[in-house]
Amino acid sequence: MKYLSRSARHHFRCFPRIPTKLFTRIITSTVLGVSISVSAIAFGLGSVTVTFAQSRNVYKPTAILSGSEINDILTDKDFARDYILEAQKDERLEITVNSGSFDTVLSLLDIKGEVIAENDDAASDTTNSLIFFKVRQSGTYTIRVSSFGGSSGGKFTLKVTKLRVVN
């Protein structure tokens, strides 16, 4: 059991009659998206059926270019909508999201998925969001649009503008 992850150890304790080797294979197969079924696991006086199913929804963010605008919809089922942006070192970007339907939250994530900039309300009299960002390292960034508190959604417009330095 020393080779199982923390979450796998938790599941192993819940289903102690599954051999460690089989359980490790089940967890690994699940991570790889393989659909398997283990049934009739002895558990006390009854039996339990465990089913791992492959997810049909594949995470695939939409690409957005600097200088472009996207009109989209955040549904009640969405946690957020993500967009991929390729940016070059020293570029200065203005990223805005506007919606009349919900209170927007705008986040910028680096290649590791860490939030490097975030904004809820651009000004005190609006629920739209705005980020000004100077790119420190060329690469791929994720722009995430979500709703404040995750409570609602609706139509929104996302715009990325490359700013010019004025002397």
C-alpha atoms as a PDB file:
ATOM      1  CA  MET A   1       0.000   0.000   0.000  1.00  0.00           C
ATOM      2  CA  LYS A   2       2.973   2.305   0.241  1.00  0.00           C
ATOM      3  CA  TYR A   3       2.847   2.897  -3.530  1.00  0.00           C
ATOM      4  CA  LEU A   4      -0.761   4.146  -3.594  1.00  0.00           C
ATOM      5  CA  SER A   5      -1.557   7.855  -3.689  1.00  0.00           C
ATOM      6  CA  ARG A   6      -3.376   9.475  -0.769  1.00  0.00           C
ATOM      7  CA  SER A   7      -6.754   9.321  -2.536  1.00  0.00           C
ATOM      8  CA  ALA A   8      -6.085   5.752  -3.642  1.00  0.00           C
ATOM      9  CA  ARG A   9      -5.280   4.781  -0.025  1.00  0.00           C
ATOM     10  CA  HIS A  10      -8.633   6.271   1.019  1.00  0.00           C
ATOM     11  CA  HIS A  11     -10.469   4.181  -1.579  1.00  0.00           C
ATOM     12  CA  PHE A  12      -8.432   1.115  -0.656  1.00  0.00           C
ATOM     13  CA  ARG A  13      -9.550   1.428   2.961  1.00  0.00           C
ATOM     14  CA  CYS A  14     -13.159   1.601   1.767  1.00  0.00           C
ATOM     15  CA  PHE A  15     -12.789  -1.566  -0.335  1.00  0.00           C
ATOM     16  CA  PRO A  16     -10.279  -3.682   1.621  1.00  0.00           C
ATOM     17  CA  ARG A  17     -11.021  -6.936  -0.232  1.00  0.00           C
ATOM     18  CA  ILE A  18      -9.643  -5.677  -3.557  1.00  0.00           C
ATOM     19  CA  PRO A  19      -6.030  -6.856  -3.955  1.00  0.00           C
ATOM     20  CA  THR A  20      -3.600  -3.911  -3.999  1.00  0.00           C
ATOM     21  CA  LYS A  21      -2.317  -4.848  -7.469  1.00  0.00           C
ATOM     22  CA  LEU A  22      -5.851  -4.903  -8.963  1.00  0.00           C
ATOM     23  CA  PHE A  23      -6.844  -1.701  -7.158  1.00  0.00           C
ATOM     24  CA  THR A  24      -3.751   0.108  -8.460  1.00  0.00           C
ATOM     25  CA  ARG A  25      -4.608  -1.085 -11.971  1.00  0.00           C
ATOM     26  CA  ILE A  26      -8.216   0.159 -11.549  1.00  0.00           C
ATOM     27  CA  ILE A  27      -7.092   3.607 -10.378  1.00  0.00           C
ATOM     28  CA  THR A  28      -4.479   3.846 -13.165  1.00  0.00           C
ATOM     29  CA  SER A  29      -7.025   2.762 -15.775  1.00  0.00           C
ATOM     30  CA  THR A  30      -9.475   5.363 -14.524  1.00  0.00           C
ATOM     31  CA  VAL A  31      -6.895   8.121 -14.819  1.00  0.00           C
ATOM     32  CA  LEU A  32      -6.183   7.001 -18.390  1.00  0.00           C
ATOM     33  CA  GLY A  33      -9.910   7.202 -19.204  1.00  0.00           C
ATOM     34  CA  VAL A  34     -10.539   3.473 -19.655  1.00  0.00           C
ATOM     35  CA  SER A  35     -14.053   2.308 -18.889  1.00  0.00           C
ATOM     36  CA  ILE A  36     -14.092  -0.685 -16.512  1.00  0.00           C
ATOM     37  CA  SER A  37     -16.506  -2.215 -14.082  1.00  0.00           C
ATOM     38  CA  VAL A  38     -15.855  -4.115 -10.876  1.00  0.00           C
ATOM     39  CA  SER A  39     -18.961  -5.658  -9.391  1.00  0.00           C
ATOM     40  CA  ALA A  40     -20.042  -7.605  -6.353  1.00  0.00           C
ATOM     41  CA  ILE A  41     -17.243  -6.570  -4.042  1.00  0.00           C
ATOM     42  CA  ALA A  42     -17.768  -8.212  -0.672  1.00  0.00           C
ATOM     43  CA  PHE A  43     -18.302  -5.487   1.884  1.00  0.00           C
ATOM     44  CA  GLY A  44     -19.681  -6.596   5.202  1.00  0.00           C
ATOM     45  CA  LEU A  45     -23.071  -8.287   4.725  1.00  0.00           C
ATOM     46  CA  GLY A  46     -23.917  -6.735   1.357  1.00  0.00           C
ATOM     47  CA  SER A  47     -22.218  -6.109  -1.944  1.00  0.00           C
ATOM     48  CA  VAL A  48     -21.201  -2.908  -3.672  1.00  0.00           C
ATOM     49  CA  THR A  49     -20.868  -2.203  -7.376  1.00  0.00           C
ATOM     50  CA  VAL A  50     -18.135   0.183  -8.465  1.00  0.00           C
ATOM     51  CA  THR A  51     -18.199   1.522 -12.013  1.00  0.00           C
ATOM     52  CA  PHE A  52     -15.649   3.773 -13.674  1.00  0.00           C
ATOM     53  CA  ALA A  53     -16.866   5.345 -16.910  1.00  0.00           C
ATOM     54  CA  GLN A  54     -14.988   7.282 -19.516  1.00  0.00           C
ATOM     55  CA  SER A  55     -15.956  10.926 -19.689  1.00  0.00           C
ATOM     56  CA  ARG A  56     -17.292  11.976 -23.079  1.00  0.00           C
ATOM     57  CA  ASN A  57     -16.554  15.677 -22.566  1.00  0.00           C
ATOM     58  CA  VAL A  58     -12.996  16.505 -23.515  1.00  0.00           C
ATOM     59  CA  TYR A  59     -11.486  19.694 -22.126  1.00  0.00           C
ATOM     60  CA  LYS A  60     -10.444  21.793 -25.107  1.00  0.00           C
ATOM     61  CA  PRO A  61     -10.140  25.558 -24.556  1.00  0.00           C
ATOM     62  CA  THR A  62     -10.778  27.896 -27.492  1.00  0.00           C
ATOM     63  CA  ALA A  63      -7.799  29.788 -28.952  1.00  0.00           C
ATOM     64  CA  ILE A  64      -8.005  33.579 -28.965  1.00  0.00           C
ATOM     65  CA  LEU A  65      -5.678  36.006 -30.727  1.00  0.00           C
ATOM     66  CA  SER A  66      -4.569  39.405 -29.553  1.00  0.00           C
ATOM     67  CA  GLY A  67      -6.814  42.008 -31.157  1.00  0.00           C
ATOM     68  CA  SER A  68      -9.809  39.699 -31.360  1.00  0.00           C
ATOM     69  CA  GLU A  69     -13.183  39.553 -29.676  1.00  0.00           C
ATOM     70  CA  ILE A  70     -15.239  36.486 -28.766  1.00  0.00           C
ATOM     71  CA  ASN A  71     -18.950  36.396 -27.978  1.00  0.00           C
ATOM     72  CA  ASP A  72     -19.814  33.342 -25.905  1.00  0.00           C
ATOM     73  CA  ILE A  73     -22.198  32.001 -23.257  1.00  0.00           C
ATOM     74  CA  LEU A  74     -21.421  30.794 -19.743  1.00  0.00           C
ATOM     75  CA  THR A  75     -24.149  28.308 -18.860  1.00  0.00           C
ATOM     76  CA  ASP A  76     -25.314  27.312 -15.393  1.00  0.00           C
ATOM     77  CA  LYS A  77     -23.563  23.962 -15.953  1.00  0.00           C
ATOM     78  CA  ASP A  78     -20.174  25.585 -16.666  1.00  0.00           C
ATOM     79  CA  PHE A  79     -17.683  26.269 -13.922  1.00  0.00           C
ATOM     80  CA  ALA A  80     -15.904  28.620 -16.318  1.00  0.00           C
ATOM     81  CA  ARG A  81     -14.985  29.121 -19.977  1.00  0.00           C
ATOM     82  CA  ASP A  82     -11.271  28.957 -20.853  1.00  0.00           C
ATOM     83  CA  TYR A  83      -9.399  30.468 -23.788  1.00  0.00           C
ATOM     84  CA  ILE A  84      -5.789  29.915 -24.853  1.00  0.00           C
ATOM     85  CA  LEU A  85      -3.593  32.906 -25.726  1.00  0.00           C
ATOM     86  CA  GLU A  86      -0.069  32.806 -27.167  1.00  0.00           C
ATOM     87  CA  ALA A  87       1.830  35.873 -25.950  1.00  0.00           C
ATOM     88  CA  GLN A  88       5.355  37.192 -26.490  1.00  0.00           C
ATOM     89  CA  LYS A  89       7.693  38.626 -23.871  1.00  0.00           C
ATOM     90  CA  ASP A  90       7.218  42.368 -23.181  1.00  0.00           C
ATOM     91  CA  GLU A  91       3.798  42.553 -24.867  1.00  0.00           C
ATOM     92  CA  ARG A  92       1.298  44.634 -22.946  1.00  0.00           C
ATOM     93  CA  LEU A  93      -2.224  43.255 -23.005  1.00  0.00           C
ATOM     94  CA  GLU A  94      -5.626  44.546 -22.035  1.00  0.00           C
ATOM     95  CA  ILE A  95      -8.108  41.733 -21.422  1.00  0.00           C
ATOM     96  CA  THR A  96     -11.762  42.618 -20.840  1.00  0.00           C
ATOM     97  CA  VAL A  97     -14.936  40.659 -20.324  1.00  0.00           C
ATOM     98  CA  ASN A  98     -18.321  42.377 -20.415  1.00  0.00           C
ATOM     99  CA  SER A  99     -21.727  40.959 -19.634  1.00  0.00           C
ATOM    100  CA  GLY A 100     -25.143  42.381 -18.902  1.00  0.00           C
ATOM    101  CA  SER A 101     -26.271  38.958 -17.615  1.00  0.00           C
ATOM    102  CA  PHE A 102     -23.915  38.151 -14.737  1.00  0.00           C
ATOM    103  CA  ASP A 103     -21.098  39.424 -12.504  1.00  0.00           C
ATOM    104  CA  THR A 104     -17.942  38.417 -14.378  1.00  0.00           C
ATOM    105  CA  VAL A 105     -14.615  37.267 -12.952  1.00  0.00           C
ATOM    106  CA  LEU A 106     -11.576  37.305 -15.232  1.00  0.00           C
ATOM    107  CA  SER A 107      -8.466  35.243 -14.462  1.00  0.00           C
ATOM    108  CA  LEU A 108      -5.159  34.844 -16.286  1.00  0.00           C
ATOM    109  CA  LEU A 109      -3.298  31.581 -15.696  1.00  0.00           C
ATOM    110  CA  ASP A 110       0.262  30.634 -16.618  1.00  0.00           C
ATOM    111  CA  ILE A 111       1.336  27.356 -18.252  1.00  0.00           C
ATOM    112  CA  LYS A 112       1.326  25.643 -14.816  1.00  0.00           C
ATOM    113  CA  GLY A 113      -2.304  26.627 -14.234  1.00  0.00           C
ATOM    114  CA  GLU A 114      -1.449  29.152 -11.524  1.00  0.00           C
ATOM    115  CA  VAL A 115      -3.427  32.394 -11.403  1.00  0.00           C
ATOM    116  CA  ILE A 116      -1.075  35.295 -12.189  1.00  0.00           C
ATOM    117  CA  ALA A 117      -3.716  38.028 -12.549  1.00  0.00           C
ATOM    118  CA  GLU A 118      -7.390  38.246 -11.608  1.00  0.00           C
ATOM    119  CA  ASN A 119     -10.143  40.844 -11.549  1.00  0.00           C
ATOM    120  CA  ASP A 120     -13.761  40.816 -10.417  1.00  0.00           C
ATOM    121  CA  ASP A 121     -15.003  44.364 -11.050  1.00  0.00           C
ATOM    122  CA  ALA A 122     -13.079  46.815 -13.249  1.00  0.00           C
ATOM    123  CA  ALA A 123     -14.669  49.765 -11.419  1.00  0.00           C
ATOM    124  CA  SER A 124     -17.015  50.251  -8.489  1.00  0.00           C
ATOM    125  CA  ASP A 125     -20.006  50.969 -10.721  1.00  0.00           C
ATOM    126  CA  THR A 126     -19.706  47.877 -12.964  1.00  0.00           C
ATOM    127  CA  THR A 127     -19.602  44.092 -12.732  1.00  0.00           C
ATOM    128  CA  ASN A 128     -17.438  43.753 -15.858  1.00  0.00           C
ATOM    129  CA  SER A 129     -13.800  42.674 -15.488  1.00  0.00           C
ATOM    130  CA  LEU A 130     -10.486  44.052 -16.755  1.00  0.00           C
ATOM    131  CA  ILE A 131      -6.838  42.954 -16.597  1.00  0.00           C
ATOM    132  CA  PHE A 132      -3.798  44.923 -17.768  1.00  0.00           C
ATOM    133  CA  PHE A 133      -0.808  42.605 -18.104  1.00  0.00           C
ATOM    134  CA  LYS A 134       2.814  42.894 -19.222  1.00  0.00           C
ATOM    135  CA  VAL A 135       4.050  39.515 -20.457  1.00  0.00           C
ATOM    136  CA  ARG A 136       7.233  38.558 -18.618  1.00  0.00           C
ATOM    137  CA  GLN A 137       7.811  35.273 -20.431  1.00  0.00           C
ATOM    138  CA  SER A 138       6.731  34.185 -23.924  1.00  0.00           C
ATOM    139  CA  GLY A 139       4.360  31.253 -23.892  1.00  0.00           C
ATOM    140  CA  THR A 140       0.838  29.964 -23.618  1.00  0.00           C
ATOM    141  CA  TYR A 141      -1.579  31.571 -21.167  1.00  0.00           C
ATOM    142  CA  THR A 142      -5.126  30.637 -20.221  1.00  0.00           C
ATOM    143  CA  ILE A 143      -7.808  33.286 -19.915  1.00  0.00           C
ATOM    144  CA  ARG A 144     -10.647  32.094 -17.685  1.00  0.00           C
ATOM    145  CA  VAL A 145     -14.109  33.691 -17.591  1.00  0.00           C
ATOM    146  CA  SER A 146     -16.331  32.743 -14.663  1.00  0.00           C
ATOM    147  CA  SER A 147     -19.140  34.231 -12.624  1.00  0.00           C
ATOM    148  CA  PHE A 148     -18.709  35.696  -9.155  1.00  0.00           C
ATOM    149  CA  GLY A 149     -19.641  32.976  -6.678  1.00  0.00           C
ATOM    150  CA  GLY A 150     -20.394  30.589  -9.563  1.00  0.00           C
ATOM    151  CA  SER A 151     -24.060  31.430  -9.150  1.00  0.00           C
ATOM    152  CA  SER A 152     -25.173  32.293 -12.675  1.00  0.00           C
ATOM    153  CA  GLY A 153     -24.120  32.786 -16.243  1.00  0.00           C
ATOM    154  CA  GLY A 154     -25.221  34.240 -19.549  1.00  0.00           C
ATOM    155  CA  LYS A 155     -23.875  35.936 -22.652  1.00  0.00           C
ATOM    156  CA  PHE A 156     -20.527  37.732 -22.493  1.00  0.00           C
ATOM    157  CA  THR A 157     -17.912  39.343 -24.724  1.00  0.00           C
ATOM    158  CA  LEU A 158     -14.214  38.657 -24.204  1.00  0.00           C
ATOM    159  CA  LYS A 159     -11.703  40.967 -25.855  1.00  0.00           C
ATOM    160  CA  VAL A 160      -7.891  40.843 -25.920  1.00  0.00           C
ATOM    161  CA  THR A 161      -6.063  43.983 -27.071  1.00  0.00           C
ATOM    162  CA  LYS A 162      -2.325  44.341 -27.566  1.00  0.00           C
ATOM    163  CA  LEU A 163      -1.368  47.798 -26.268  1.00  0.00           C
ATOM    164  CA  ARG A 164       1.322  49.999 -27.784  1.00  0.00           C
ATOM    165  CA  VAL A 165       3.780  51.977 -25.702  1.00  0.00           C
ATOM    166  CA  VAL A 166       3.371  55.710 -26.395  1.00  0.00           C
ATOM    167  CA  ASN A 167       6.461  57.856 -25.920  1.00  0.00           C
END
